[in-house]
Amino acid sequence: MAQPNVLAQLAKRLHPISECSDAKQAEIVAAATLVRMDTGQLVYREGDRDRFCVYLIKGSVETLSGGQREKETVAGSDIASQPLAEHQPRTLSVRTLTPEGLLPVPRELMQSVGPTNEVHEGIALTELDDSDDSADDWMTMLLRSPLYSRLSVTNIQRIMATMESVTLERGDAIVKQGEIGDYFYFLSRGRARVIRQAREGEPPVMLAELAPGVSFGEEALVAGLPRNATVSMLTEGRVMRLSKAAFEELILEPTLHRLDWVAAETLASAGAQWLDVRFPDEFKADGLEHAINVPLGMLRMRMSKLDRAQEYVVYCDDGTRSAAGAFLMGGFGFKVHVLDGGITTPDEIDAMDTRSVASLRRLLEATNQATG
């Protein structure tokens, strides 16, 4: 990661940052993080929306129109002193030619600096063909995800700076069933398969095939469970990975919407759907009335059968599996909440009901007094 004094010197060469006051430059430098991208990665695709002005600091990018190369832009040139392809939504696409350094600056910090919406010759591109497997645009794919749209600019920058790139060969295992989870993964290039062995001695069953842009590995981190499946590469490829501690701090907690029992019950009464992610026998024993049951291990595969227009409150016995389920659903764009703490026994459910009624009664009494 570049030191602040290095970024401060860079800022003096970038337009329109160089035209603002020293105090404003210092504010921008404090919020900026230098991000490294490897050869062949997409910086932008046509139609993208994001919250950054991005400068080319090191290396070079190629410009393409209709999939055909037009021009090369090199760091340090006059054109590289401007933000890359600045229109929103992105009307252009840019791809790296060499390992390079990019400086994303939060757009809100640029609003008072000066005009930043010029389109400069040499970086006007059209969308790259989706079949181009050489395009490793993990940063673009990550920013497109509904899950990451809810993160702060600071968290996104820290994720970009913290994620590690791992290059893989065909057949390489990324995670193995039964292992303890230590990383959260984002498949940035290539294809992978998910297999699970139900019982020792039985052949594994293929559950799913993963394409670029898919994240995985969150269940073991959130629920504290061993990996429930093996994910291995079907082709050569690359994953970006984030440590468990960084995942919890930067992604999990900021994206989970936790509700206490009263708030969850109130939401369900207003039309939200209870979703139990425990095993079927657990659900049969003490599942909530009107709840539906999709075990956590099957949630990803059954996601397409859930109503995307429906709001969900996810629960389990102690709040761990439900947190993993809610996180997974949030990544697919569902409006989802998690019952904090979960439920454990019928007696405790009855106790929760008693507390809920008492809380609602106090709320109604306070409302009546305020309006009376």
Protein backbone atom coordinates (compact mmCIF):
# COMPACT_ATOMS: atom_id res chain seq x y z
CA MET A 1 0.00 0.00 0.00
CA ALA A 2 1.36 3.41 -0.94
CA GLN A 3 2.43 5.72 1.86
CA PRO A 4 0.38 8.92 2.42
CA ASN A 5 3.29 11.17 1.36
CA VAL A 6 3.55 9.25 -1.94
CA LEU A 7 -0.15 9.69 -2.58
CA ALA A 8 0.13 13.37 -1.68
CA GLN A 9 2.77 13.84 -4.37
CA LEU A 10 0.64 11.93 -6.88
CA ALA A 11 -2.40 14.08 -6.09
CA LYS A 12 -0.52 17.20 -7.20
CA ARG A 13 -0.30 15.74 -10.72
CA LEU A 14 -3.95 14.68 -11.03
CA HIS A 15 -6.71 16.87 -12.44
CA PRO A 16 -8.84 18.36 -10.96
CA ILE A 17 -7.39 17.40 -7.53
CA SER A 18 -4.30 19.49 -8.18
CA GLU A 19 -6.45 22.61 -8.47
CA CYS A 20 -7.99 22.38 -5.01
CA SER A 21 -6.65 23.60 -1.68
CA ASP A 22 -3.99 21.76 0.30
CA ALA A 23 -6.61 20.90 2.93
CA LYS A 24 -8.90 19.37 0.31
CA GLN A 25 -6.00 17.43 -1.22
CA ALA A 26 -5.15 16.08 2.22
CA GLU A 27 -8.78 14.98 2.72
CA ILE A 28 -8.77 13.15 -0.62
CA VAL A 29 -5.41 11.47 0.06
CA ALA A 30 -6.66 10.30 3.47
CA ALA A 31 -9.66 8.59 1.84
CA ALA A 32 -7.79 7.07 -1.13
CA THR A 33 -6.07 3.69 -1.38
CA LEU A 34 -3.80 2.53 -4.19
CA VAL A 35 -5.19 -0.69 -5.76
CA ARG A 36 -3.12 -3.11 -7.85
CA MET A 37 -4.63 -4.91 -10.86
CA ASP A 38 -3.00 -7.60 -12.94
CA THR A 39 -2.73 -7.79 -16.73
CA GLY A 40 -6.01 -8.44 -18.55
CA GLN A 41 -8.35 -7.13 -15.86
CA LEU A 42 -11.27 -4.86 -16.67
CA VAL A 43 -11.34 -1.52 -14.92
CA TYR A 44 -14.81 -0.62 -16.20
CA ARG A 45 -17.55 -2.09 -18.33
CA GLU A 46 -20.15 -0.11 -20.20
CA GLY A 47 -23.24 0.46 -18.07
CA ASP A 48 -21.50 0.16 -14.69
CA ARG A 49 -22.39 2.52 -11.87
CA ASP A 50 -20.03 3.06 -8.96
CA ARG A 51 -18.94 5.68 -6.45
CA PHE A 52 -15.37 6.33 -7.58
CA CYS A 53 -13.24 8.50 -9.83
CA VAL A 54 -10.33 6.24 -10.81
CA TYR A 55 -6.88 7.42 -11.89
CA LEU A 56 -4.20 5.37 -13.69
CA ILE A 57 -1.07 5.68 -11.53
CA LYS A 58 1.18 2.91 -12.83
CA GLY A 59 1.28 0.72 -15.95
CA SER A 60 -0.94 1.03 -19.01
CA VAL A 61 -4.45 0.31 -20.25
CA GLU A 62 -5.74 -0.52 -23.71
CA THR A 63 -8.80 1.04 -25.28
CA LEU A 64 -11.19 -1.19 -27.19
CA SER A 65 -14.23 -0.50 -29.31
CA GLY A 66 -16.45 -3.38 -30.37
CA GLY A 67 -13.84 -5.76 -28.99
CA GLN A 68 -11.11 -4.23 -31.20
CA ARG A 69 -8.10 -2.47 -29.78
CA GLU A 70 -7.79 1.21 -30.63
CA LYS A 71 -5.22 2.88 -28.45
CA GLU A 72 -2.95 2.55 -25.42
CA THR A 73 -2.85 4.92 -22.46
CA VAL A 74 0.25 5.00 -20.26
CA ALA A 75 0.54 6.23 -16.66
CA GLY A 76 2.31 9.58 -16.42
CA SER A 77 0.95 10.86 -19.73
CA ASP A 78 -1.22 13.97 -19.94
CA ILE A 79 -4.36 11.93 -20.55
CA ALA A 80 -3.64 9.77 -17.49
CA SER A 81 -3.83 12.86 -15.28
CA GLN A 82 -7.63 12.77 -15.77
CA PRO A 83 -10.06 10.24 -14.22
CA LEU A 84 -10.59 7.21 -16.44
CA ALA A 85 -13.86 7.01 -18.39
CA GLU A 86 -15.72 9.29 -16.05
CA HIS A 87 -19.35 9.25 -17.29
CA GLN A 88 -21.97 7.63 -15.03
CA PRO A 89 -23.27 5.11 -15.88
CA ARG A 90 -20.02 4.11 -17.58
CA THR A 91 -20.31 4.58 -21.32
CA LEU A 92 -16.82 3.15 -21.79
CA SER A 93 -14.70 0.09 -21.00
CA VAL A 94 -11.01 -0.06 -20.05
CA ARG A 95 -8.71 -3.09 -19.71
CA THR A 96 -5.20 -3.35 -18.30
CA LEU A 97 -2.21 -4.14 -20.52
CA THR A 98 0.34 -4.50 -17.73
CA PRO A 99 0.26 -4.92 -13.96
CA GLU A 100 -0.85 -1.50 -12.84
CA GLY A 101 -1.76 0.76 -9.95
CA LEU A 102 -5.12 2.49 -9.76
CA LEU A 103 -6.20 5.22 -7.37
CA PRO A 104 -9.97 5.14 -6.68
CA VAL A 105 -11.18 8.40 -5.10
CA PRO A 106 -14.68 8.56 -3.54
CA ARG A 107 -16.86 10.55 -5.92
CA GLU A 108 -18.48 12.57 -3.14
CA LEU A 109 -15.09 14.07 -2.31
CA MET A 110 -14.73 15.21 -5.93
CA GLN A 111 -18.03 17.04 -6.17
CA SER A 112 -16.62 20.33 -4.87
CA VAL A 113 -13.27 19.99 -6.62
CA GLY A 114 -14.25 20.71 -10.19
CA PRO A 115 -15.77 19.16 -13.28
CA THR A 116 -14.96 15.47 -13.59
CA ASN A 117 -17.28 14.30 -16.35
CA GLU A 118 -15.18 14.93 -19.43
CA VAL A 119 -14.62 12.00 -21.78
CA HIS A 120 -11.10 12.11 -23.14
CA GLU A 121 -9.82 10.68 -26.38
CA GLY A 122 -8.00 7.42 -25.89
CA ILE A 123 -10.17 5.99 -23.12
CA ALA A 124 -13.53 5.81 -24.88
CA LEU A 125 -14.41 2.13 -25.15
CA THR A 126 -17.40 -0.09 -25.69
CA GLU A 127 -18.35 -3.09 -23.61
CA LEU A 128 -16.08 -6.09 -23.88
CA ASP A 129 -17.56 -9.33 -25.14
CA ASP A 130 -18.82 -11.43 -22.21
CA SER A 131 -17.26 -14.50 -23.83
CA ASP A 132 -13.77 -13.04 -23.46
CA ASP A 133 -12.42 -15.29 -20.72
CA SER A 134 -9.20 -13.28 -20.48
CA ALA A 135 -11.06 -10.38 -18.88
CA ASP A 136 -10.45 -10.70 -15.15
CA ASP A 137 -12.61 -7.86 -13.84
CA TRP A 138 -13.07 -8.86 -10.21
CA MET A 139 -13.27 -5.29 -8.97
CA THR A 140 -16.02 -4.42 -11.46
CA MET A 141 -17.96 -7.60 -10.69
CA LEU A 142 -17.65 -7.04 -6.98
CA LEU A 143 -18.96 -3.48 -7.20
CA ARG A 144 -21.94 -4.66 -9.27
CA SER A 145 -23.13 -6.99 -6.50
CA PRO A 146 -26.23 -5.82 -4.58
CA LEU A 147 -24.46 -6.85 -1.40
CA TYR A 148 -21.51 -4.49 -1.86
CA SER A 149 -23.71 -1.56 -2.88
CA ARG A 150 -24.69 -1.33 0.79
CA LEU A 151 -21.10 -0.96 2.01
CA SER A 152 -19.43 2.34 2.80
CA VAL A 153 -16.80 3.75 0.48
CA THR A 154 -14.18 3.22 3.17
CA ASN A 155 -15.04 -0.46 3.53
CA ILE A 156 -14.96 -1.03 -0.24
CA GLN A 157 -11.54 0.57 -0.48
CA ARG A 158 -10.23 -1.55 2.39
CA ILE A 159 -11.64 -4.70 0.77
CA MET A 160 -9.90 -3.88 -2.52
CA ALA A 161 -6.63 -3.24 -0.71
CA THR A 162 -6.88 -6.34 1.50
CA MET A 163 -8.09 -9.04 -0.91
CA GLU A 164 -5.41 -11.50 -2.00
CA SER A 165 -5.22 -12.91 -5.53
CA VAL A 166 -4.69 -16.68 -5.91
CA THR A 167 -4.04 -18.21 -9.35
CA LEU A 168 -5.34 -21.77 -9.76
CA GLU A 169 -4.95 -24.65 -12.21
CA ARG A 170 -7.67 -26.99 -13.42
CA GLY A 171 -8.50 -29.50 -10.69
CA ASP A 172 -7.13 -27.38 -7.82
CA ALA A 173 -9.31 -27.46 -4.70
CA ILE A 174 -10.14 -24.03 -3.30
CA VAL A 175 -11.91 -25.34 -0.20
CA LYS A 176 -12.36 -28.93 1.00
CA GLN A 177 -15.34 -30.46 2.75
CA GLY A 178 -14.76 -30.88 6.48
CA GLU A 179 -12.06 -28.23 6.78
CA ILE A 180 -12.39 -25.24 9.10
CA GLY A 181 -13.14 -22.02 7.22
CA ASP A 182 -10.44 -19.38 7.14
CA TYR A 183 -11.20 -17.30 4.01
CA PHE A 184 -14.10 -15.80 2.07
CA TYR A 185 -13.71 -16.25 -1.70
CA PHE A 186 -14.72 -14.38 -4.84
CA LEU A 187 -14.34 -16.24 -8.16
CA SER A 188 -12.89 -13.68 -10.56
CA ARG A 189 -11.87 -15.89 -13.50
CA GLY A 190 -12.59 -19.41 -14.70
CA ARG A 191 -15.27 -21.87 -13.63
CA ALA A 192 -15.51 -24.09 -10.57
CA ARG A 193 -17.70 -26.92 -9.34
CA VAL A 194 -19.22 -27.63 -5.94
CA ILE A 195 -19.36 -31.28 -4.80
CA ARG A 196 -20.50 -32.86 -1.54
CA GLN A 197 -20.02 -36.32 -0.08
CA ALA A 198 -23.13 -37.25 1.92
CA ARG A 199 -21.56 -40.24 3.70
CA GLU A 200 -18.09 -41.71 4.00
CA GLY A 201 -17.46 -44.24 1.28
CA GLU A 202 -20.10 -42.85 -1.06
CA PRO A 203 -19.14 -41.01 -4.25
CA PRO A 204 -19.46 -37.21 -4.10
CA VAL A 205 -22.42 -35.52 -5.77
CA MET A 206 -22.04 -32.38 -7.89
CA LEU A 207 -24.24 -29.63 -6.49
CA ALA A 208 -23.48 -26.60 -8.66
CA GLU A 209 -21.15 -25.01 -11.18
CA LEU A 210 -19.81 -21.54 -10.35
CA ALA A 211 -19.11 -18.78 -12.86
CA PRO A 212 -17.05 -15.59 -12.44
CA GLY A 213 -18.65 -13.07 -10.12
CA VAL A 214 -19.82 -15.63 -7.54
CA SER A 215 -18.68 -15.43 -3.92
CA PHE A 216 -18.58 -18.43 -1.59
CA GLY A 217 -17.20 -19.71 1.69
CA GLU A 218 -19.27 -17.44 3.94
CA GLU A 219 -21.26 -20.22 5.64
CA ALA A 220 -18.29 -21.76 7.45
CA LEU A 221 -17.07 -18.32 8.56
CA VAL A 222 -20.41 -17.01 9.79
CA ALA A 223 -21.85 -20.18 11.32
CA GLY A 224 -18.54 -21.50 12.65
CA LEU A 225 -19.13 -24.83 10.92
CA PRO A 226 -16.73 -27.02 8.92
CA ARG A 227 -16.89 -26.60 5.15
CA ASN A 228 -19.93 -28.53 3.94
CA ALA A 229 -18.69 -29.01 0.38
CA THR A 230 -15.58 -29.06 -1.77
CA VAL A 231 -15.07 -26.36 -4.41
CA SER A 232 -12.52 -27.09 -7.14
CA MET A 233 -11.59 -25.53 -10.46
CA LEU A 234 -13.02 -26.88 -13.73
CA THR A 235 -10.66 -24.61 -15.66
CA GLU A 236 -7.63 -22.47 -14.99
CA GLY A 237 -8.66 -19.39 -13.09
CA ARG A 238 -8.25 -17.04 -10.19
CA VAL A 239 -9.97 -16.30 -6.91
CA MET A 240 -9.75 -13.25 -4.67
CA ARG A 241 -9.81 -14.13 -0.99
CA LEU A 242 -10.40 -12.23 2.23
CA SER A 243 -9.42 -13.44 5.70
CA LYS A 244 -12.14 -14.35 8.19
CA ALA A 245 -11.38 -11.36 10.43
CA ALA A 246 -11.47 -8.91 7.51
CA PHE A 247 -14.64 -10.51 6.14
CA GLU A 248 -16.46 -10.15 9.46
CA GLU A 249 -15.37 -6.54 9.97
CA LEU A 250 -15.67 -5.17 6.44
CA ILE A 251 -18.49 -7.18 4.86
CA LEU A 252 -20.57 -9.31 7.22
CA GLU A 253 -21.58 -6.97 10.04
CA PRO A 254 -22.14 -3.86 7.86
CA THR A 255 -24.50 -5.80 5.55
CA LEU A 256 -26.54 -7.78 8.09
CA HIS A 257 -29.77 -6.20 9.31
CA ARG A 258 -30.37 -7.75 12.71
CA LEU A 259 -33.79 -7.57 14.40
CA ASP A 260 -34.86 -8.36 17.94
CA TRP A 261 -37.90 -10.54 18.47
CA VAL A 262 -40.42 -7.69 18.72
CA ALA A 263 -39.17 -5.95 15.57
CA ALA A 264 -39.06 -9.23 13.64
CA GLU A 265 -42.57 -10.23 14.71
CA THR A 266 -43.89 -6.79 13.82
CA LEU A 267 -42.32 -7.04 10.38
CA ALA A 268 -43.74 -10.53 9.85
CA SER A 269 -47.19 -9.29 10.85
CA ALA A 270 -46.85 -6.63 8.15
CA GLY A 271 -46.20 -9.23 5.46
CA ALA A 272 -42.57 -10.35 5.76
CA GLN A 273 -41.92 -14.08 5.38
CA TRP A 274 -40.29 -16.13 8.15
CA LEU A 275 -37.53 -18.36 6.70
CA ASP A 276 -36.15 -21.19 8.84
CA VAL A 277 -32.69 -22.35 7.67
CA ARG A 278 -32.37 -25.26 10.12
CA PHE A 279 -32.62 -28.93 9.23
CA PRO A 280 -36.12 -30.28 8.46
CA ASP A 281 -36.34 -32.23 11.74
CA GLU A 282 -35.51 -29.09 13.73
CA PHE A 283 -38.09 -27.11 11.80
CA LYS A 284 -40.71 -29.82 12.37
CA ALA A 285 -40.02 -29.79 16.11
CA ASP A 286 -40.43 -26.06 16.82
CA GLY A 287 -40.62 -24.06 13.61
CA LEU A 288 -42.54 -20.79 13.73
CA GLU A 289 -46.07 -20.66 12.41
CA HIS A 290 -46.30 -19.62 8.74
CA ALA A 291 -42.53 -20.08 8.30
CA ILE A 292 -41.01 -21.85 5.31
CA ASN A 293 -38.02 -24.17 5.66
CA VAL A 294 -34.96 -24.11 3.41
CA PRO A 295 -31.92 -25.70 5.13
CA LEU A 296 -28.83 -23.52 4.93
CA GLY A 297 -26.90 -26.14 2.95
CA MET A 298 -29.58 -26.08 0.24
CA LEU A 299 -30.27 -22.34 0.23
CA ARG A 300 -27.97 -21.40 -2.64
CA MET A 301 -29.47 -24.08 -4.90
CA ARG A 302 -33.07 -23.18 -4.03
CA MET A 303 -32.61 -19.42 -4.24
CA SER A 304 -34.27 -19.24 -7.66
CA LYS A 305 -37.51 -20.62 -6.18
CA LEU A 306 -37.82 -17.81 -3.62
CA ASP A 307 -39.90 -14.72 -4.40
CA ARG A 308 -37.52 -11.79 -4.94
CA ALA A 309 -40.33 -9.31 -4.32
CA GLN A 310 -40.90 -10.78 -0.85
CA GLU A 311 -39.22 -9.46 2.30
CA TYR A 312 -37.72 -12.20 4.52
CA VAL A 313 -36.81 -12.64 8.18
CA VAL A 314 -34.33 -15.52 8.51
CA TYR A 315 -33.93 -17.46 11.74
CA CYS A 316 -32.29 -20.55 13.25
CA ASP A 317 -31.70 -21.76 16.80
CA ASP A 318 -28.93 -19.36 17.85
CA GLY A 319 -28.52 -16.79 15.07
CA THR A 320 -25.42 -18.23 13.39
CA ARG A 321 -26.90 -20.22 10.50
CA SER A 322 -29.50 -17.52 9.94
CA ALA A 323 -26.76 -14.88 9.67
CA ALA A 324 -25.05 -16.98 7.00
CA GLY A 325 -28.37 -17.43 5.18
CA ALA A 326 -29.24 -13.75 5.32
CA PHE A 327 -25.80 -12.81 4.04
CA LEU A 328 -26.12 -15.23 1.14
CA MET A 329 -29.58 -13.93 0.21
CA GLY A 330 -28.40 -10.33 0.42
CA GLY A 331 -25.75 -11.11 -2.16
CA PHE A 332 -28.52 -12.14 -4.56
CA GLY A 333 -30.44 -8.90 -4.03
CA PHE A 334 -33.11 -10.10 -1.58
CA LYS A 335 -34.48 -7.74 1.05
CA VAL A 336 -33.62 -9.80 4.10
CA HIS A 337 -33.28 -9.50 7.87
CA VAL A 338 -31.94 -11.89 10.52
CA LEU A 339 -33.51 -12.69 13.90
CA ASP A 340 -30.73 -11.79 16.32
CA GLY A 341 -30.01 -14.64 18.73
CA GLY A 342 -32.43 -17.04 17.05
CA ILE A 343 -34.76 -19.46 18.84
CA THR A 344 -33.79 -22.58 20.75
CA THR A 345 -36.70 -24.36 22.45
CA PRO A 346 -40.51 -24.20 22.50
CA ASP A 347 -40.35 -22.89 26.08
CA GLU A 348 -38.13 -20.05 25.00
CA ILE A 349 -40.45 -19.32 22.09
CA ASP A 350 -43.29 -19.01 24.62
CA ALA A 351 -41.14 -16.70 26.73
CA MET A 352 -40.38 -14.60 23.64
CA ASP A 353 -44.11 -14.44 22.87
CA THR A 354 -44.77 -13.20 26.41
CA ARG A 355 -42.06 -10.54 26.13
CA SER A 356 -43.32 -9.58 22.69
CA VAL A 357 -46.89 -9.06 23.90
CA ALA A 358 -45.69 -7.06 26.88
CA SER A 359 -43.45 -4.89 24.71
CA LEU A 360 -46.22 -4.26 22.20
CA ARG A 361 -48.62 -3.39 25.00
CA ARG A 362 -46.17 -0.84 26.42
CA LEU A 363 -45.67 0.60 22.95
CA LEU A 364 -49.43 0.98 22.41
CA GLU A 365 -49.87 2.56 25.83
CA ALA A 366 -47.10 5.08 25.13
CA THR A 367 -48.63 5.87 21.75
CA ASN A 368 -52.09 6.38 23.25
CA GLN A 369 -50.70 8.71 25.91
CA ALA A 370 -48.80 10.72 23.29
CA THR A 371 -51.87 11.11 21.08
CA GLY A 372 -54.35 11.52 23.93
